[in-house]
PDB file of N, CA and C in Angstrom:
ATOM      1  N   MET A   1     -40.572  45.279  -0.632  1.00  0.00           N
ATOM      2  CA  MET A   1     -40.702  44.392  -1.060  1.00  0.00           C
ATOM      3  C   MET A   1     -39.009  44.359  -1.882  1.00  0.00           C
ATOM      4  N   THR A   2     -38.090  43.917  -1.455  1.00  0.00           N
ATOM      5  CA  THR A   2     -36.923  44.018  -2.632  1.00  0.00           C
ATOM      6  C   THR A   2     -36.322  42.593  -2.320  1.00  0.00           C
ATOM      7  N   PHE A   3     -35.154  42.245  -3.031  1.00  0.00           N
ATOM      8  CA  PHE A   3     -34.157  41.532  -3.586  1.00  0.00           C
ATOM      9  C   PHE A   3     -33.015  41.393  -3.006  1.00  0.00           C
ATOM     10  N   LEU A   4     -32.528  41.577  -2.337  1.00  0.00           N
ATOM     11  CA  LEU A   4     -31.194  41.762  -2.112  1.00  0.00           C
ATOM     12  C   LEU A   4     -30.196  40.628  -2.712  1.00  0.00           C
ATOM     13  N   PHE A   5     -29.063  41.198  -3.179  1.00  0.00           N
ATOM     14  CA  PHE A   5     -28.255  40.082  -4.353  1.00  0.00           C
ATOM     15  C   PHE A   5     -26.423  40.058  -3.237  1.00  0.00           C
ATOM     16  N   ASN A   6     -26.341  39.143  -1.673  1.00  0.00           N
ATOM     17  CA  ASN A   6     -25.256  39.564  -1.396  1.00  0.00           C
ATOM     18  C   ASN A   6     -24.303  38.143  -1.554  1.00  0.00           C
ATOM     19  N   SER A   7     -23.413  38.688  -2.779  1.00  0.00           N
ATOM     20  CA  SER A   7     -22.063  38.205  -3.521  1.00  0.00           C
ATOM     21  C   SER A   7     -21.493  39.324  -4.274  1.00  0.00           C
ATOM     22  N   ASP A   8     -20.289  38.581  -5.003  1.00  0.00           N
ATOM     23  CA  ASP A   8     -19.436  39.735  -6.108  1.00  0.00           C
ATOM     24  C   ASP A   8     -20.598  40.096  -7.057  1.00  0.00           C
ATOM     25  N   ALA A   9     -20.038  41.518  -7.302  1.00  0.00           N
ATOM     26  CA  ALA A   9     -20.889  42.638  -8.590  1.00  0.00           C
ATOM     27  C   ALA A   9     -20.719  41.810  -9.505  1.00  0.00           C
ATOM     28  N   GLN A  10     -19.652  41.159 -10.052  1.00  0.00           N
ATOM     29  CA  GLN A  10     -19.660  40.362 -11.527  1.00  0.00           C
ATOM     30  C   GLN A  10     -21.018  39.467 -11.918  1.00  0.00           C
ATOM     31  N   ARG A  11     -21.249  38.521 -10.634  1.00  0.00           N
ATOM     32  CA  ARG A  11     -22.005  37.499 -10.901  1.00  0.00           C
ATOM     33  C   ARG A  11     -23.748  38.137 -10.517  1.00  0.00           C
ATOM     34  N   GLY A  12     -23.507  39.531  -9.810  1.00  0.00           N
ATOM     35  CA  GLY A  12     -24.613  40.201  -9.586  1.00  0.00           C
ATOM     36  C   GLY A  12     -25.596  41.169 -10.547  1.00  0.00           C
ATOM     37  N   ALA A  13     -24.320  41.272 -11.221  1.00  0.00           N
ATOM     38  CA  ALA A  13     -24.942  41.750 -12.641  1.00  0.00           C
ATOM     39  C   ALA A  13     -25.579  40.942 -13.550  1.00  0.00           C
ATOM     40  N   ILE A  14     -25.166  39.850 -13.672  1.00  0.00           N
ATOM     41  CA  ILE A  14     -26.000  38.854 -14.292  1.00  0.00           C
ATOM     42  C   ILE A  14     -27.545  38.204 -13.891  1.00  0.00           C
ATOM     43  N   PHE A  15     -27.273  38.369 -12.458  1.00  0.00           N
ATOM     44  CA  PHE A  15     -28.770  38.265 -11.630  1.00  0.00           C
ATOM     45  C   PHE A  15     -29.583  39.199 -12.140  1.00  0.00           C
ATOM     46  N   ALA A  16     -28.873  40.453 -12.032  1.00  0.00           N
ATOM     47  CA  ALA A  16     -29.916  41.579 -11.866  1.00  0.00           C
ATOM     48  C   ALA A  16     -30.456  41.845 -13.374  1.00  0.00           C
ATOM     49  N   LYS A  17     -29.703  41.388 -14.088  1.00  0.00           N
ATOM     50  CA  LYS A  17     -29.868  41.441 -15.593  1.00  0.00           C
ATOM     51  C   LYS A  17     -31.287  40.334 -15.723  1.00  0.00           C
ATOM     52  N   ALA A  18     -31.472  38.911 -15.370  1.00  0.00           N
ATOM     53  CA  ALA A  18     -32.080  37.990 -15.467  1.00  0.00           C
ATOM     54  C   ALA A  18     -33.829  38.952 -14.802  1.00  0.00           C
ATOM     55  N   PHE A  19     -33.202  39.066 -13.515  1.00  0.00           N
ATOM     56  CA  PHE A  19     -34.359  39.585 -12.988  1.00  0.00           C
ATOM     57  C   PHE A  19     -35.413  40.779 -13.487  1.00  0.00           C
ATOM     58  N   ALA A  20     -34.209  41.833 -13.771  1.00  0.00           N
ATOM     59  CA  ALA A  20     -35.562  42.809 -14.445  1.00  0.00           C
ATOM     60  C   ALA A  20     -36.200  42.560 -16.181  1.00  0.00           C
ATOM     61  N   LYS A  21     -35.459  41.369 -16.453  1.00  0.00           N
ATOM     62  CA  LYS A  21     -36.243  40.726 -17.468  1.00  0.00           C
ATOM     63  C   LYS A  21     -37.284  40.159 -17.219  1.00  0.00           C
ATOM     64  N   GLU A  22     -37.348  39.297 -16.271  1.00  0.00           N
ATOM     65  CA  GLU A  22     -38.353  38.468 -15.408  1.00  0.00           C
ATOM     66  C   GLU A  22     -39.138  39.171 -14.526  1.00  0.00           C
ATOM     67  N   LEU A  23     -38.761  39.437 -14.083  1.00  0.00           N
ATOM     68  CA  LEU A  23     -39.591  40.465 -12.514  1.00  0.00           C
ATOM     69  C   LEU A  23     -39.545  42.159 -12.780  1.00  0.00           C
ATOM     70  N   PRO A  24     -39.999  42.347 -13.395  1.00  0.00           N
ATOM     71  CA  PRO A  24     -39.082  43.971 -13.526  1.00  0.00           C
ATOM     72  C   PRO A  24     -39.933  44.832 -12.659  1.00  0.00           C
ATOM     73  N   ASP A  25     -40.937  44.533 -11.811  1.00  0.00           N
ATOM     74  CA  ASP A  25     -41.756  45.542 -11.088  1.00  0.00           C
ATOM     75  C   ASP A  25     -41.078  45.109  -9.285  1.00  0.00           C
ATOM     76  N   LEU A  26     -40.256  44.078  -9.445  1.00  0.00           N
ATOM     77  CA  LEU A  26     -39.184  43.313  -8.151  1.00  0.00           C
ATOM     78  C   LEU A  26     -38.172  44.321  -8.242  1.00  0.00           C
ATOM     79  N   PRO A  27     -37.995  45.332  -7.178  1.00  0.00           N
ATOM     80  CA  PRO A  27     -36.825  45.979  -6.589  1.00  0.00           C
ATOM     81  C   PRO A  27     -35.470  44.967  -6.322  1.00  0.00           C
ATOM     82  N   PHE A  28     -34.330  45.372  -7.132  1.00  0.00           N
ATOM     83  CA  PHE A  28     -33.353  44.032  -7.182  1.00  0.00           C
ATOM     84  C   PHE A  28     -32.228  44.829  -6.912  1.00  0.00           C
ATOM     85  N   VAL A  29     -31.325  44.353  -6.006  1.00  0.00           N
ATOM     86  CA  VAL A  29     -30.295  45.228  -4.989  1.00  0.00           C
ATOM     87  C   VAL A  29     -28.947  44.830  -4.919  1.00  0.00           C
ATOM     88  N   ILE A  30     -27.906  44.933  -5.349  1.00  0.00           N
ATOM     89  CA  ILE A  30     -26.822  44.582  -5.577  1.00  0.00           C
ATOM     90  C   ILE A  30     -25.788  44.602  -4.243  1.00  0.00           C
ATOM     91  N   ASP A  31     -26.197  46.217  -4.013  1.00  0.00           N
ATOM     92  CA  ASP A  31     -25.246  46.432  -3.003  1.00  0.00           C
ATOM     93  C   ASP A  31     -26.660  46.733  -1.363  1.00  0.00           C
ATOM     94  N   ALA A  32     -26.463  45.841  -0.298  1.00  0.00           N
ATOM     95  CA  ALA A  32     -26.638  46.097   0.738  1.00  0.00           C
ATOM     96  C   ALA A  32     -26.476  47.605   1.532  1.00  0.00           C
ATOM     97  N   ALA A  33     -25.644  48.377   1.579  1.00  0.00           N
ATOM     98  CA  ALA A  33     -24.934  49.840   1.903  1.00  0.00           C
ATOM     99  C   ALA A  33     -26.576  50.696   1.458  1.00  0.00           C
ATOM    100  N   THR A  34     -27.274  50.350   0.121  1.00  0.00           N
ATOM    101  CA  THR A  34     -27.794  51.329  -0.289  1.00  0.00           C
ATOM    102  C   THR A  34     -28.909  51.035  -0.128  1.00  0.00           C
ATOM    103  N   VAL A  35     -29.502  49.631   0.017  1.00  0.00           N
ATOM    104  CA  VAL A  35     -31.070  49.418   0.656  1.00  0.00           C
ATOM    105  C   VAL A  35     -31.325  49.882   2.033  1.00  0.00           C
ATOM    106  N   ASP A  36     -32.738  50.047   2.682  1.00  0.00           N
ATOM    107  CA  ASP A  36     -33.410  50.009   3.606  1.00  0.00           C
ATOM    108  C   ASP A  36     -33.608  48.668   3.910  1.00  0.00           C
ATOM    109  N   PRO A  37     -33.059  48.156   5.290  1.00  0.00           N
ATOM    110  CA  PRO A  37     -32.997  46.940   5.540  1.00  0.00           C
ATOM    111  C   PRO A  37     -34.620  46.338   5.814  1.00  0.00           C
ATOM    112  N   ASP A  38     -35.377  47.104   5.760  1.00  0.00           N
ATOM    113  CA  ASP A  38     -36.792  46.778   6.425  1.00  0.00           C
ATOM    114  C   ASP A  38     -37.624  46.213   5.209  1.00  0.00           C
ATOM    115  N   ALA A  39     -36.986  46.586   3.912  1.00  0.00           N
ATOM    116  CA  ALA A  39     -37.470  46.277   2.834  1.00  0.00           C
ATOM    117  C   ALA A  39     -37.434  45.023   1.880  1.00  0.00           C
ATOM    118  N   VAL A  40     -36.275  44.786   2.411  1.00  0.00           N
ATOM    119  CA  VAL A  40     -35.801  43.347   2.072  1.00  0.00           C
ATOM    120  C   VAL A  40     -36.345  42.237   2.627  1.00  0.00           C
ATOM    121  N   ARG A  41     -37.048  41.297   1.585  1.00  0.00           N
ATOM    122  CA  ARG A  41     -38.278  40.497   1.823  1.00  0.00           C
ATOM    123  C   ARG A  41     -37.404  39.176   1.179  1.00  0.00           C
ATOM    124  N   TYR A  42     -36.375  39.229   0.287  1.00  0.00           N
ATOM    125  CA  TYR A  42     -35.341  38.180  -0.038  1.00  0.00           C
ATOM    126  C   TYR A  42     -34.255  38.307  -0.369  1.00  0.00           C
ATOM    127  N   LEU A  43     -33.284  37.285  -0.216  1.00  0.00           N
ATOM    128  CA  LEU A  43     -31.883  37.402  -0.177  1.00  0.00           C
ATOM    129  C   LEU A  43     -31.200  36.291  -0.608  1.00  0.00           C
ATOM    130  N   ILE A  44     -30.555  36.679  -1.416  1.00  0.00           N
ATOM    131  CA  ILE A  44     -29.754  35.568  -2.039  1.00  0.00           C
ATOM    132  C   ILE A  44     -27.976  35.710  -1.678  1.00  0.00           C
ATOM    133  N   THR A  45     -27.429  34.816  -1.292  1.00  0.00           N
ATOM    134  CA  THR A  45     -26.186  34.521  -0.877  1.00  0.00           C
ATOM    135  C   THR A  45     -25.407  33.641  -0.779  1.00  0.00           C
ATOM    136  N   TRP A  46     -23.984  33.920  -0.679  1.00  0.00           N
ATOM    137  CA  TRP A  46     -22.906  32.318  -0.664  1.00  0.00           C
ATOM    138  C   TRP A  46     -22.905  32.278   0.886  1.00  0.00           C
ATOM    139  N   VAL A  47     -22.555  33.344   1.265  1.00  0.00           N
ATOM    140  CA  VAL A  47     -22.206  33.076   3.241  1.00  0.00           C
ATOM    141  C   VAL A  47     -23.305  34.055   3.631  1.00  0.00           C
ATOM    142  N   VAL A  48     -23.389  33.750   4.903  1.00  0.00           N
ATOM    143  CA  VAL A  48     -24.495  34.729   5.592  1.00  0.00           C
ATOM    144  C   VAL A  48     -24.085  35.977   6.043  1.00  0.00           C
ATOM    145  N   PRO A  49     -24.673  36.782   5.842  1.00  0.00           N
ATOM    146  CA  PRO A  49     -24.228  38.233   6.397  1.00  0.00           C
ATOM    147  C   PRO A  49     -23.827  38.299   7.933  1.00  0.00           C
ATOM    148  N   GLU A  50     -22.786  39.087   8.045  1.00  0.00           N
ATOM    149  CA  GLU A  50     -22.833  39.093   9.489  1.00  0.00           C
ATOM    150  C   GLU A  50     -24.049  39.824  10.480  1.00  0.00           C
ATOM    151  N   ASN A  51     -24.661  40.855   9.776  1.00  0.00           N
ATOM    152  CA  ASN A  51     -25.457  41.648   9.850  1.00  0.00           C
ATOM    153  C   ASN A  51     -26.834  41.209   9.621  1.00  0.00           C
ATOM    154  N   LEU A  52     -27.224  39.738   9.424  1.00  0.00           N
ATOM    155  CA  LEU A  52     -28.493  39.394   8.965  1.00  0.00           C
ATOM    156  C   LEU A  52     -29.656  40.040   9.723  1.00  0.00           C
ATOM    157  N   ALA A  53     -29.302  39.412  10.684  1.00  0.00           N
ATOM    158  CA  ALA A  53     -30.483  39.891  11.532  1.00  0.00           C
ATOM    159  C   ALA A  53     -31.753  41.389  11.227  1.00  0.00           C
ATOM    160  N   ARG A  54     -30.602  42.297  10.839  1.00  0.00           N
ATOM    161  CA  ARG A  54     -31.197  43.701  10.626  1.00  0.00           C
ATOM    162  C   ARG A  54     -32.471  43.469   9.301  1.00  0.00           C
ATOM    163  N   PHE A  55     -32.276  42.512   8.634  1.00  0.00           N
ATOM    164  CA  PHE A  55     -33.268  42.298   7.932  1.00  0.00           C
ATOM    165  C   PHE A  55     -34.553  41.836   8.483  1.00  0.00           C
ATOM    166  N   ARG A  56     -35.455  42.730   9.043  1.00  0.00           N
ATOM    167  CA  ARG A  56     -36.305  41.669  10.194  1.00  0.00           C
ATOM    168  C   ARG A  56     -37.409  41.528   9.100  1.00  0.00           C
ATOM    169  N   ASN A  57     -37.289  41.989   8.444  1.00  0.00           N
ATOM    170  CA  ASN A  57     -38.507  40.817   7.190  1.00  0.00           C
ATOM    171  C   ASN A  57     -38.800  40.258   6.534  1.00  0.00           C
ATOM    172  N   LEU A  58     -37.411  39.758   6.605  1.00  0.00           N
ATOM    173  CA  LEU A  58     -36.678  38.321   5.445  1.00  0.00           C
ATOM    174  C   LEU A  58     -37.650  37.533   5.527  1.00  0.00           C
ATOM    175  N   GLU A  59     -38.115  36.794   4.603  1.00  0.00           N
ATOM    176  CA  GLU A  59     -39.308  35.794   4.586  1.00  0.00           C
ATOM    177  C   GLU A  59     -38.339  34.631   3.616  1.00  0.00           C
ATOM    178  N   MET A  60     -37.086  35.277   2.793  1.00  0.00           N
ATOM    179  CA  MET A  60     -36.844  33.718   2.385  1.00  0.00           C
ATOM    180  C   MET A  60     -35.394  34.292   1.843  1.00  0.00           C
ATOM    181  N   LEU A  61     -34.934  32.852   2.326  1.00  0.00           N
ATOM    182  CA  LEU A  61     -32.621  33.324   1.551  1.00  0.00           C
ATOM    183  C   LEU A  61     -32.748  32.052   1.248  1.00  0.00           C
ATOM    184  N   PHE A  62     -32.049  32.338  -0.224  1.00  0.00           N
ATOM    185  CA  PHE A  62     -31.310  31.531  -1.254  1.00  0.00           C
ATOM    186  C   PHE A  62     -29.839  31.426  -0.903  1.00  0.00           C
ATOM    187  N   SER A  63     -29.587  30.004  -0.923  1.00  0.00           N
ATOM    188  CA  SER A  63     -28.160  29.801  -0.711  1.00  0.00           C
ATOM    189  C   SER A  63     -27.628  29.635  -2.558  1.00  0.00           C
ATOM    190  N   LEU A  64     -26.680  30.399  -2.840  1.00  0.00           N
ATOM    191  CA  LEU A  64     -25.733  30.257  -3.703  1.00  0.00           C
ATOM    192  C   LEU A  64     -24.948  28.740  -4.131  1.00  0.00           C
ATOM    193  N   GLY A  65     -24.314  28.581  -3.001  1.00  0.00           N
ATOM    194  CA  GLY A  65     -23.883  27.575  -2.870  1.00  0.00           C
ATOM    195  C   GLY A  65     -24.707  25.870  -2.702  1.00  0.00           C
ATOM    196  N   ALA A  66     -23.544  24.899  -3.236  1.00  0.00           N
ATOM    197  CA  ALA A  66     -24.294  23.501  -3.342  1.00  0.00           C
ATOM    198  C   ALA A  66     -25.041  22.983  -2.111  1.00  0.00           C
ATOM    199  N   GLY A  67     -24.613  23.685  -0.905  1.00  0.00           N
ATOM    200  CA  GLY A  67     -24.949  23.122   0.156  1.00  0.00           C
ATOM    201  C   GLY A  67     -25.572  24.244   1.082  1.00  0.00           C
ATOM    202  N   VAL A  68     -26.036  24.273   2.365  1.00  0.00           N
ATOM    203  CA  VAL A  68     -26.227  24.992   3.557  1.00  0.00           C
ATOM    204  C   VAL A  68     -25.655  25.003   4.839  1.00  0.00           C
ATOM    205  N   ASP A  69     -24.556  24.461   4.730  1.00  0.00           N
ATOM    206  CA  ASP A  69     -23.942  23.779   5.914  1.00  0.00           C
ATOM    207  C   ASP A  69     -23.358  25.303   6.618  1.00  0.00           C
ATOM    208  N   GLN A  70     -22.821  26.216   5.580  1.00  0.00           N
ATOM    209  CA  GLN A  70     -22.665  27.937   6.073  1.00  0.00           C
ATOM    210  C   GLN A  70     -23.716  28.437   7.173  1.00  0.00           C
ATOM    211  N   PHE A  71     -24.787  28.129   6.901  1.00  0.00           N
ATOM    212  CA  PHE A  71     -25.858  28.829   7.729  1.00  0.00           C
ATOM    213  C   PHE A  71     -26.939  28.157   9.009  1.00  0.00           C
ATOM    214  N   ARG A  72     -25.677  27.533   9.413  1.00  0.00           N
ATOM    215  CA  ARG A  72     -26.076  26.840  10.639  1.00  0.00           C
ATOM    216  C   ARG A  72     -25.979  27.763  12.241  1.00  0.00           C
TER     217      ARG A  72
END
């Protein structure tokens, strides 16, 4: 059960610190290339990744933007 952050590394570091404090047992990954796609259950992103379908066990997608029009 992994949480993948898909945005810039600087913002990702801020999120990683907060997740480490509040949810230390939840793996939090900033680089999608380093994670098993089947392990990803949660994704936070600014835009839809081109390869979204590879995260077959994805349960929840969070948008960093104010809207979700980009997820159509």
